[in-house]
């Protein structure tokens, strides 16, 4: 895949609201480093429609927005969706294990997927848009949301010391490669260190005890750019702009119970 992945948006023109949703998704993808090919800005009046659809073959990825109407048109071979299905089917014949095509489900109570894509893992946008978008953008950039952990050293091979063996086994409890969800750990163990995420979205966190109702948090780990106390925030949904709404100028912050800390890593992820 090229450094900037090229992605073709395949969808059916169900109604104006659906077209606006697709346009909004394509715009956000471009803002996040994806060169999206979309008829709404790439196909001009008088343009050759089949020639535009043939650009499927030059793309790194193809996003198929599977509404119920899209699935029906693809299965019946109707209209532009039917033509695009023909091209995509040819691609799959060449490489049945290809991960080029990404189905996403939207406006689809039946979770209908075109028959030719039925074996493909899809992204469900029917419920939680943000979680689905994270899964999609991570997949396009080959940054999986649940990365395979690296294989560590055999603790029995490094030392015969029972304490060293126990420490090696216990330290594996203080990391979680997932980019979403909730984790629990004892910050007074493992030197106050805990790792969440993986790849460019990895965060090495470091803590120490402050009182029975607060902790100290530090930006000392090498891959952490800054930390900030989210004053006045009551829930994650209150944080709409983490990049410039908070103060990241201190090495340490001391949140109390039920307070939020924002962390940014060296790759610019929060």
C-alpha atoms as a PDB file:
ATOM      1  CA  UNK A   1       0.000   0.000   0.000  1.00  0.00           C
ATOM      2  CA  UNK A   2       1.204   3.510  -0.803  1.00  0.00           C
ATOM      3  CA  UNK A   3       2.204   5.892   2.063  1.00  0.00           C
ATOM      4  CA  UNK A   4      -1.109   7.693   1.506  1.00  0.00           C
ATOM      5  CA  UNK A   5      -3.670   4.912   0.918  1.00  0.00           C
ATOM      6  CA  UNK A   6      -6.041   5.495  -1.995  1.00  0.00           C
ATOM      7  CA  UNK A   7      -9.601   4.442  -1.211  1.00  0.00           C
ATOM      8  CA  UNK A   8     -12.620   4.216  -3.564  1.00  0.00           C
ATOM      9  CA  UNK A   9     -16.089   4.755  -2.054  1.00  0.00           C
ATOM     10  CA  UNK A  10     -18.714   2.421  -3.563  1.00  0.00           C
ATOM     11  CA  UNK A  11     -22.309   3.141  -2.515  1.00  0.00           C
ATOM     12  CA  UNK A  12     -25.841   3.482  -3.809  1.00  0.00           C
ATOM     13  CA  UNK A  13     -27.644   6.819  -4.083  1.00  0.00           C
ATOM     14  CA  UNK A  14     -30.508   5.809  -1.783  1.00  0.00           C
ATOM     15  CA  UNK A  15     -31.552   9.335  -0.805  1.00  0.00           C
ATOM     16  CA  UNK A  16     -30.101  12.770  -0.081  1.00  0.00           C
ATOM     17  CA  UNK A  17     -29.471  12.014   3.608  1.00  0.00           C
ATOM     18  CA  UNK A  18     -27.504   8.857   2.709  1.00  0.00           C
ATOM     19  CA  UNK A  19     -25.420  10.745   0.147  1.00  0.00           C
ATOM     20  CA  UNK A  20     -24.597  13.406   2.750  1.00  0.00           C
ATOM     21  CA  UNK A  21     -23.560  10.703   5.238  1.00  0.00           C
ATOM     22  CA  UNK A  22     -21.212   9.152   2.691  1.00  0.00           C
ATOM     23  CA  UNK A  23     -19.795  12.586   1.838  1.00  0.00           C
ATOM     24  CA  UNK A  24     -19.185  13.327   5.524  1.00  0.00           C
ATOM     25  CA  UNK A  25     -17.416   9.982   6.029  1.00  0.00           C
ATOM     26  CA  UNK A  26     -15.264  10.486   2.932  1.00  0.00           C
ATOM     27  CA  UNK A  27     -14.323  14.005   4.061  1.00  0.00           C
ATOM     28  CA  UNK A  28     -13.274  12.787   7.505  1.00  0.00           C
ATOM     29  CA  UNK A  29     -11.207   9.988   5.965  1.00  0.00           C
ATOM     30  CA  UNK A  30      -9.353  12.522   3.797  1.00  0.00           C
ATOM     31  CA  UNK A  31      -8.696  14.633   6.895  1.00  0.00           C
ATOM     32  CA  UNK A  32      -7.153  11.509   8.453  1.00  0.00           C
ATOM     33  CA  UNK A  33      -4.683  10.762   5.686  1.00  0.00           C
ATOM     34  CA  UNK A  34      -6.729   8.756   3.169  1.00  0.00           C
ATOM     35  CA  UNK A  35      -6.928   9.771  -0.513  1.00  0.00           C
ATOM     36  CA  UNK A  36     -10.632   9.075  -1.092  1.00  0.00           C
ATOM     37  CA  UNK A  37     -12.080   8.726  -4.589  1.00  0.00           C
ATOM     38  CA  UNK A  38     -15.748   9.796  -4.474  1.00  0.00           C
ATOM     39  CA  UNK A  39     -18.144  10.521  -7.317  1.00  0.00           C
ATOM     40  CA  UNK A  40     -19.525  13.590  -5.515  1.00  0.00           C
ATOM     41  CA  UNK A  41     -16.246  15.442  -6.076  1.00  0.00           C
ATOM     42  CA  UNK A  42     -14.490  13.360  -8.768  1.00  0.00           C
ATOM     43  CA  UNK A  43     -17.263  12.775 -11.333  1.00  0.00           C
ATOM     44  CA  UNK A  44     -18.199  15.979 -13.149  1.00  0.00           C
ATOM     45  CA  UNK A  45     -21.174  16.669 -15.425  1.00  0.00           C
ATOM     46  CA  UNK A  46     -20.519  15.031 -18.768  1.00  0.00           C
ATOM     47  CA  UNK A  47     -17.936  12.716 -17.241  1.00  0.00           C
ATOM     48  CA  UNK A  48     -17.617   9.077 -18.309  1.00  0.00           C
ATOM     49  CA  UNK A  49     -19.311   7.053 -15.552  1.00  0.00           C
ATOM     50  CA  UNK A  50     -17.837   3.611 -16.443  1.00  0.00           C
ATOM     51  CA  UNK A  51     -14.364   5.174 -16.695  1.00  0.00           C
ATOM     52  CA  UNK A  52     -14.816   6.641 -13.221  1.00  0.00           C
ATOM     53  CA  UNK A  53     -15.925   3.274 -11.819  1.00  0.00           C
ATOM     54  CA  UNK A  54     -12.896   1.605 -13.397  1.00  0.00           C
ATOM     55  CA  UNK A  55     -10.787   3.586 -10.899  1.00  0.00           C
ATOM     56  CA  UNK A  56     -11.693   0.812  -8.472  1.00  0.00           C
ATOM     57  CA  UNK A  57      -8.764  -1.127  -9.878  1.00  0.00           C
ATOM     58  CA  UNK A  58      -6.204   1.598  -9.118  1.00  0.00           C
ATOM     59  CA  UNK A  59      -7.254   1.937  -5.485  1.00  0.00           C
ATOM     60  CA  UNK A  60      -5.528   0.352  -2.488  1.00  0.00           C
ATOM     61  CA  UNK A  61      -8.865  -0.196  -0.745  1.00  0.00           C
ATOM     62  CA  UNK A  62     -12.542  -0.106  -1.717  1.00  0.00           C
ATOM     63  CA  UNK A  63     -15.154   0.798   0.910  1.00  0.00           C
ATOM     64  CA  UNK A  64     -18.542  -0.713   0.061  1.00  0.00           C
ATOM     65  CA  UNK A  65     -21.260   1.154   1.982  1.00  0.00           C
ATOM     66  CA  UNK A  66     -23.779  -1.656   2.418  1.00  0.00           C
ATOM     67  CA  UNK A  67     -27.215  -0.203   2.814  1.00  0.00           C
ATOM     68  CA  UNK A  68     -30.122  -2.550   2.098  1.00  0.00           C
ATOM     69  CA  UNK A  69     -30.545  -0.919  -1.322  1.00  0.00           C
ATOM     70  CA  UNK A  70     -26.829  -1.406  -2.106  1.00  0.00           C
ATOM     71  CA  UNK A  71     -26.986  -5.104  -1.211  1.00  0.00           C
ATOM     72  CA  UNK A  72     -30.097  -5.583  -3.362  1.00  0.00           C
ATOM     73  CA  UNK A  73     -28.644  -3.779  -6.396  1.00  0.00           C
ATOM     74  CA  UNK A  74     -25.352  -5.675  -6.128  1.00  0.00           C
ATOM     75  CA  UNK A  75     -27.098  -9.054  -5.910  1.00  0.00           C
ATOM     76  CA  UNK A  76     -29.334  -8.229  -8.885  1.00  0.00           C
ATOM     77  CA  UNK A  77     -26.518  -6.634 -10.912  1.00  0.00           C
ATOM     78  CA  UNK A  78     -28.429  -3.359 -11.312  1.00  0.00           C
ATOM     79  CA  UNK A  79     -27.213   0.148 -12.145  1.00  0.00           C
ATOM     80  CA  UNK A  80     -23.762   1.438 -11.193  1.00  0.00           C
ATOM     81  CA  UNK A  81     -23.582  -0.791  -8.135  1.00  0.00           C
ATOM     82  CA  UNK A  82     -23.957  -3.823 -10.405  1.00  0.00           C
ATOM     83  CA  UNK A  83     -21.121  -2.591 -12.643  1.00  0.00           C
ATOM     84  CA  UNK A  84     -18.844  -1.997  -9.649  1.00  0.00           C
ATOM     85  CA  UNK A  85     -19.726  -5.460  -8.326  1.00  0.00           C
ATOM     86  CA  UNK A  86     -18.573  -6.947 -11.637  1.00  0.00           C
ATOM     87  CA  UNK A  87     -15.186  -5.212 -11.317  1.00  0.00           C
ATOM     88  CA  UNK A  88     -14.801  -6.194  -7.658  1.00  0.00           C
ATOM     89  CA  UNK A  89     -15.768  -9.804  -8.367  1.00  0.00           C
ATOM     90  CA  UNK A  90     -13.001  -9.918 -10.977  1.00  0.00           C
ATOM     91  CA  UNK A  91     -10.552  -8.628  -8.339  1.00  0.00           C
ATOM     92  CA  UNK A  92     -11.648 -11.354  -5.914  1.00  0.00           C
ATOM     93  CA  UNK A  93     -11.233 -14.050  -8.565  1.00  0.00           C
ATOM     94  CA  UNK A  94      -7.612 -12.957  -8.969  1.00  0.00           C
ATOM     95  CA  UNK A  95      -6.997 -13.088  -5.204  1.00  0.00           C
ATOM     96  CA  UNK A  96      -9.782 -14.547  -3.096  1.00  0.00           C
ATOM     97  CA  UNK A  97      -7.853 -13.736   0.110  1.00  0.00           C
ATOM     98  CA  UNK A  98      -7.519 -10.057  -0.800  1.00  0.00           C
ATOM     99  CA  UNK A  99      -8.247  -7.577   2.000  1.00  0.00           C
ATOM    100  CA  UNK A 100      -8.748  -4.767  -0.514  1.00  0.00           C
ATOM    101  CA  UNK A 101     -12.539  -4.615  -0.110  1.00  0.00           C
ATOM    102  CA  UNK A 102     -13.954  -3.327   3.199  1.00  0.00           C
ATOM    103  CA  UNK A 103     -17.735  -3.650   3.592  1.00  0.00           C
ATOM    104  CA  UNK A 104     -19.345  -1.237   6.054  1.00  0.00           C
ATOM    105  CA  UNK A 105     -22.981  -1.579   7.159  1.00  0.00           C
ATOM    106  CA  UNK A 106     -25.174   1.520   7.370  1.00  0.00           C
ATOM    107  CA  UNK A 107     -28.997   2.084   7.302  1.00  0.00           C
ATOM    108  CA  UNK A 108     -29.338  -1.653   7.311  1.00  0.00           C
ATOM    109  CA  UNK A 109     -31.676  -3.254   9.877  1.00  0.00           C
ATOM    110  CA  UNK A 110     -31.141  -6.659   8.257  1.00  0.00           C
ATOM    111  CA  UNK A 111     -27.327  -6.232   8.204  1.00  0.00           C
ATOM    112  CA  UNK A 112     -27.626  -7.229   4.546  1.00  0.00           C
ATOM    113  CA  UNK A 113     -24.327  -7.797   2.748  1.00  0.00           C
ATOM    114  CA  UNK A 114     -24.055  -8.463  -1.011  1.00  0.00           C
ATOM    115  CA  UNK A 115     -23.605 -12.173  -1.658  1.00  0.00           C
ATOM    116  CA  UNK A 116     -20.174 -11.701  -3.222  1.00  0.00           C
ATOM    117  CA  UNK A 117     -18.957 -10.039   0.018  1.00  0.00           C
ATOM    118  CA  UNK A 118     -20.666 -12.379   2.477  1.00  0.00           C
ATOM    119  CA  UNK A 119     -17.351 -13.909   3.620  1.00  0.00           C
ATOM    120  CA  UNK A 120     -15.717 -10.519   4.285  1.00  0.00           C
ATOM    121  CA  UNK A 121     -15.471  -9.063   7.782  1.00  0.00           C
ATOM    122  CA  UNK A 122     -17.472  -5.831   7.854  1.00  0.00           C
ATOM    123  CA  UNK A 123     -17.569  -2.686  10.015  1.00  0.00           C
ATOM    124  CA  UNK A 124     -20.939  -1.982  11.650  1.00  0.00           C
ATOM    125  CA  UNK A 125     -21.841   1.733  11.612  1.00  0.00           C
ATOM    126  CA  UNK A 126     -25.438   1.130  12.736  1.00  0.00           C
ATOM    127  CA  UNK A 127     -24.785   1.684  16.447  1.00  0.00           C
ATOM    128  CA  UNK A 128     -21.629   3.446  17.679  1.00  0.00           C
ATOM    129  CA  UNK A 129     -20.226   5.627  14.896  1.00  0.00           C
ATOM    130  CA  UNK A 130     -16.993   6.613  16.666  1.00  0.00           C
ATOM    131  CA  UNK A 131     -16.008   3.049  17.556  1.00  0.00           C
ATOM    132  CA  UNK A 132     -16.816   1.922  14.011  1.00  0.00           C
ATOM    133  CA  UNK A 133     -14.841   4.815  12.521  1.00  0.00           C
ATOM    134  CA  UNK A 134     -11.809   3.979  14.685  1.00  0.00           C
ATOM    135  CA  UNK A 135     -11.962   0.389  13.463  1.00  0.00           C
ATOM    136  CA  UNK A 136     -12.217   1.551   9.831  1.00  0.00           C
ATOM    137  CA  UNK A 137      -9.442   4.168   9.865  1.00  0.00           C
ATOM    138  CA  UNK A 138      -7.159   1.832  11.823  1.00  0.00           C
ATOM    139  CA  UNK A 139      -7.703  -0.922   9.277  1.00  0.00           C
ATOM    140  CA  UNK A 140      -7.038   1.370   6.304  1.00  0.00           C
ATOM    141  CA  UNK A 141      -3.756   2.532   7.852  1.00  0.00           C
ATOM    142  CA  UNK A 142      -2.856  -1.024   8.944  1.00  0.00           C
ATOM    143  CA  UNK A 143      -3.002   0.006  12.603  1.00  0.00           C
ATOM    144  CA  UNK A 144      -5.193  -2.736  14.018  1.00  0.00           C
ATOM    145  CA  UNK A 145      -7.268  -1.834  17.086  1.00  0.00           C
ATOM    146  CA  UNK A 146      -6.411  -5.146  18.738  1.00  0.00           C
ATOM    147  CA  UNK A 147      -2.841  -5.812  17.756  1.00  0.00           C
ATOM    148  CA  UNK A 148      -1.191  -9.157  18.335  1.00  0.00           C
ATOM    149  CA  UNK A 149       1.070  -8.826  21.399  1.00  0.00           C
ATOM    150  CA  UNK A 150       4.752  -9.456  20.804  1.00  0.00           C
ATOM    151  CA  UNK A 151       6.128 -12.778  22.003  1.00  0.00           C
ATOM    152  CA  UNK A 152       8.099 -12.154  25.183  1.00  0.00           C
ATOM    153  CA  UNK A 153      10.984 -14.048  26.694  1.00  0.00           C
ATOM    154  CA  UNK A 154      10.556 -17.337  28.459  1.00  0.00           C
ATOM    155  CA  UNK A 155      10.817 -16.305  32.154  1.00  0.00           C
ATOM    156  CA  UNK A 156      12.317 -19.677  33.084  1.00  0.00           C
ATOM    157  CA  UNK A 157      15.073 -19.257  30.508  1.00  0.00           C
ATOM    158  CA  UNK A 158      16.475 -15.955  31.787  1.00  0.00           C
ATOM    159  CA  UNK A 159      17.014 -16.744  35.445  1.00  0.00           C
ATOM    160  CA  UNK A 160      16.725 -19.488  38.015  1.00  0.00           C
ATOM    161  CA  UNK A 161      15.746 -16.932  40.650  1.00  0.00           C
ATOM    162  CA  UNK A 162      12.134 -17.533  41.777  1.00  0.00           C
ATOM    163  CA  UNK A 163      11.674 -13.789  42.373  1.00  0.00           C
ATOM    164  CA  UNK A 164      12.891 -12.930  38.845  1.00  0.00           C
ATOM    165  CA  UNK A 165      10.570 -15.552  37.372  1.00  0.00           C
ATOM    166  CA  UNK A 166       7.554 -14.226  39.300  1.00  0.00           C
ATOM    167  CA  UNK A 167       8.330 -10.637  38.272  1.00  0.00           C
ATOM    168  CA  UNK A 168       8.653 -11.616  34.606  1.00  0.00           C
ATOM    169  CA  UNK A 169       5.302 -13.408  34.685  1.00  0.00           C
ATOM    170  CA  UNK A 170       3.538 -10.619  36.609  1.00  0.00           C
ATOM    171  CA  UNK A 171       4.781  -7.797  34.354  1.00  0.00           C
ATOM    172  CA  UNK A 172       2.707  -9.177  31.453  1.00  0.00           C
ATOM    173  CA  UNK A 173      -0.405  -8.166  33.411  1.00  0.00           C
ATOM    174  CA  UNK A 174       0.522  -4.490  33.044  1.00  0.00           C
ATOM    175  CA  UNK A 175      -0.131  -3.989  29.350  1.00  0.00           C
ATOM    176  CA  UNK A 176      -3.199  -4.002  27.127  1.00  0.00           C
ATOM    177  CA  UNK A 177      -2.830  -3.647  23.322  1.00  0.00           C
ATOM    178  CA  UNK A 178      -6.447  -2.553  22.742  1.00  0.00           C
ATOM    179  CA  UNK A 179      -7.274   1.028  21.747  1.00  0.00           C
ATOM    180  CA  UNK A 180     -10.765   1.010  23.250  1.00  0.00           C
ATOM    181  CA  UNK A 181     -12.380  -0.318  26.395  1.00  0.00           C
ATOM    182  CA  UNK A 182     -11.627  -0.245  30.118  1.00  0.00           C
ATOM    183  CA  UNK A 183      -8.632  -1.613  32.014  1.00  0.00           C
ATOM    184  CA  UNK A 184      -7.927  -2.026  35.704  1.00  0.00           C
ATOM    185  CA  UNK A 185      -4.523  -2.391  37.351  1.00  0.00           C
ATOM    186  CA  UNK A 186      -2.662  -1.702  40.598  1.00  0.00           C
ATOM    187  CA  UNK A 187      -0.532   1.400  39.980  1.00  0.00           C
ATOM    188  CA  UNK A 188       1.562   0.674  43.057  1.00  0.00           C
ATOM    189  CA  UNK A 189       3.044  -2.397  41.340  1.00  0.00           C
ATOM    190  CA  UNK A 190       5.298  -2.712  38.269  1.00  0.00           C
ATOM    191  CA  UNK A 191       6.997   0.581  39.196  1.00  0.00           C
ATOM    192  CA  UNK A 192       3.717   2.381  38.471  1.00  0.00           C
ATOM    193  CA  UNK A 193       3.925   1.589  34.739  1.00  0.00           C
ATOM    194  CA  UNK A 194       1.120   0.436  32.468  1.00  0.00           C
ATOM    195  CA  UNK A 195       1.014   0.240  28.647  1.00  0.00           C
ATOM    196  CA  UNK A 196      -2.187   0.691  26.648  1.00  0.00           C
ATOM    197  CA  UNK A 197      -2.647   0.514  22.869  1.00  0.00           C
ATOM    198  CA  UNK A 198      -0.087  -0.570  20.316  1.00  0.00           C
ATOM    199  CA  UNK A 199       1.843   0.697  17.307  1.00  0.00           C
ATOM    200  CA  UNK A 200       1.446   4.423  16.720  1.00  0.00           C
ATOM    201  CA  UNK A 201      -1.405   4.433  19.263  1.00  0.00           C
ATOM    202  CA  UNK A 202       0.687   3.053  22.141  1.00  0.00           C
ATOM    203  CA  UNK A 203       0.775   4.963  25.422  1.00  0.00           C
ATOM    204  CA  UNK A 204       3.345   4.151  28.130  1.00  0.00           C
ATOM    205  CA  UNK A 205       1.746   5.437  31.331  1.00  0.00           C
ATOM    206  CA  UNK A 206       3.493   6.070  34.642  1.00  0.00           C
ATOM    207  CA  UNK A 207       1.878   6.724  38.032  1.00  0.00           C
ATOM    208  CA  UNK A 208       2.660   6.996  41.737  1.00  0.00           C
ATOM    209  CA  UNK A 209       0.499   7.324  44.831  1.00  0.00           C
ATOM    210  CA  UNK A 210      -0.433  10.805  46.076  1.00  0.00           C
ATOM    211  CA  UNK A 211      -3.111  10.077  48.716  1.00  0.00           C
ATOM    212  CA  UNK A 212      -5.943   7.657  49.309  1.00  0.00           C
ATOM    213  CA  UNK A 213      -8.023   9.623  46.780  1.00  0.00           C
ATOM    214  CA  UNK A 214      -5.465  10.848  44.225  1.00  0.00           C
ATOM    215  CA  UNK A 215      -2.422   9.815  42.200  1.00  0.00           C
ATOM    216  CA  UNK A 216       0.496  11.493  40.466  1.00  0.00           C
ATOM    217  CA  UNK A 217       0.788  10.946  36.709  1.00  0.00           C
ATOM    218  CA  UNK A 218       3.965  11.714  34.739  1.00  0.00           C
ATOM    219  CA  UNK A 219       4.961  12.433  31.149  1.00  0.00           C
ATOM    220  CA  UNK A 220       8.399  10.825  31.705  1.00  0.00           C
ATOM    221  CA  UNK A 221       7.951   7.785  29.393  1.00  0.00           C
ATOM    222  CA  UNK A 222       9.757   8.237  26.084  1.00  0.00           C
ATOM    223  CA  UNK A 223       6.677   7.949  23.863  1.00  0.00           C
ATOM    224  CA  UNK A 224       4.562  10.454  25.833  1.00  0.00           C
ATOM    225  CA  UNK A 225       4.523  14.044  24.593  1.00  0.00           C
ATOM    226  CA  UNK A 226       2.360  15.593  27.308  1.00  0.00           C
ATOM    227  CA  UNK A 227      -0.345  15.166  29.930  1.00  0.00           C
ATOM    228  CA  UNK A 228      -3.113  17.517  31.053  1.00  0.00           C
ATOM    229  CA  UNK A 229      -5.746  17.576  33.761  1.00  0.00           C
ATOM    230  CA  UNK A 230      -9.205  17.858  32.182  1.00  0.00           C
ATOM    231  CA  UNK A 231     -10.725  20.430  34.554  1.00  0.00           C
ATOM    232  CA  UNK A 232     -14.506  20.476  34.624  1.00  0.00           C
ATOM    233  CA  UNK A 233     -14.900  17.299  32.564  1.00  0.00           C
ATOM    234  CA  UNK A 234     -17.550  14.892  33.860  1.00  0.00           C
ATOM    235  CA  UNK A 235     -17.490  12.282  31.084  1.00  0.00           C
ATOM    236  CA  UNK A 236     -15.488  11.397  27.958  1.00  0.00           C
ATOM    237  CA  UNK A 237     -18.241  12.854  25.791  1.00  0.00           C
ATOM    238  CA  UNK A 238     -17.460  16.306  27.272  1.00  0.00           C
ATOM    239  CA  UNK A 239     -14.033  16.235  25.582  1.00  0.00           C
ATOM    240  CA  UNK A 240     -14.592  17.505  22.052  1.00  0.00           C
ATOM    241  CA  UNK A 241     -11.171  19.072  21.373  1.00  0.00           C
ATOM    242  CA  UNK A 242      -8.226  17.662  23.314  1.00  0.00           C
ATOM    243  CA  UNK A 243      -5.511  19.317  21.219  1.00  0.00           C
ATOM    244  CA  UNK A 244      -5.686  22.879  22.517  1.00  0.00           C
ATOM    245  CA  UNK A 245      -8.346  22.972  25.235  1.00  0.00           C
ATOM    246  CA  UNK A 246      -6.060  21.797  28.054  1.00  0.00           C
ATOM    247  CA  UNK A 247      -2.680  22.675  29.595  1.00  0.00           C
ATOM    248  CA  UNK A 248       0.113  20.209  28.724  1.00  0.00           C
ATOM    249  CA  UNK A 249       3.023  22.227  30.143  1.00  0.00           C
ATOM    250  CA  UNK A 250       3.777  20.279  33.352  1.00  0.00           C
ATOM    251  CA  UNK A 251       5.746  17.083  33.884  1.00  0.00           C
ATOM    252  CA  UNK A 252       3.243  15.763  36.441  1.00  0.00           C
ATOM    253  CA  UNK A 253      -0.458  16.065  37.163  1.00  0.00           C
ATOM    254  CA  UNK A 254      -2.369  14.957  40.274  1.00  0.00           C
ATOM    255  CA  UNK A 255      -5.921  13.853  39.471  1.00  0.00           C
ATOM    256  CA  UNK A 256      -8.346  13.010  42.240  1.00  0.00           C
ATOM    257  CA  UNK A 257     -10.851  10.169  42.048  1.00  0.00           C
ATOM    258  CA  UNK A 258     -13.324  10.590  39.163  1.00  0.00           C
ATOM    259  CA  UNK A 259     -11.165  13.210  37.393  1.00  0.00           C
ATOM    260  CA  UNK A 260      -9.842  12.834  33.864  1.00  0.00           C
ATOM    261  CA  UNK A 261      -6.293  13.101  32.524  1.00  0.00           C
ATOM    262  CA  UNK A 262      -5.610  13.633  28.806  1.00  0.00           C
ATOM    263  CA  UNK A 263      -2.453  12.006  27.414  1.00  0.00           C
ATOM    264  CA  UNK A 264      -0.886  12.711  24.000  1.00  0.00           C
ATOM    265  CA  UNK A 265       1.853  10.474  22.609  1.00  0.00           C
ATOM    266  CA  UNK A 266       4.746  11.313  20.281  1.00  0.00           C
ATOM    267  CA  UNK A 267       2.618  10.344  17.250  1.00  0.00           C
ATOM    268  CA  UNK A 268      -0.046  12.931  18.082  1.00  0.00           C
ATOM    269  CA  UNK A 269      -2.713  10.507  19.319  1.00  0.00           C
ATOM    270  CA  UNK A 270      -4.716  11.397  22.442  1.00  0.00           C
END
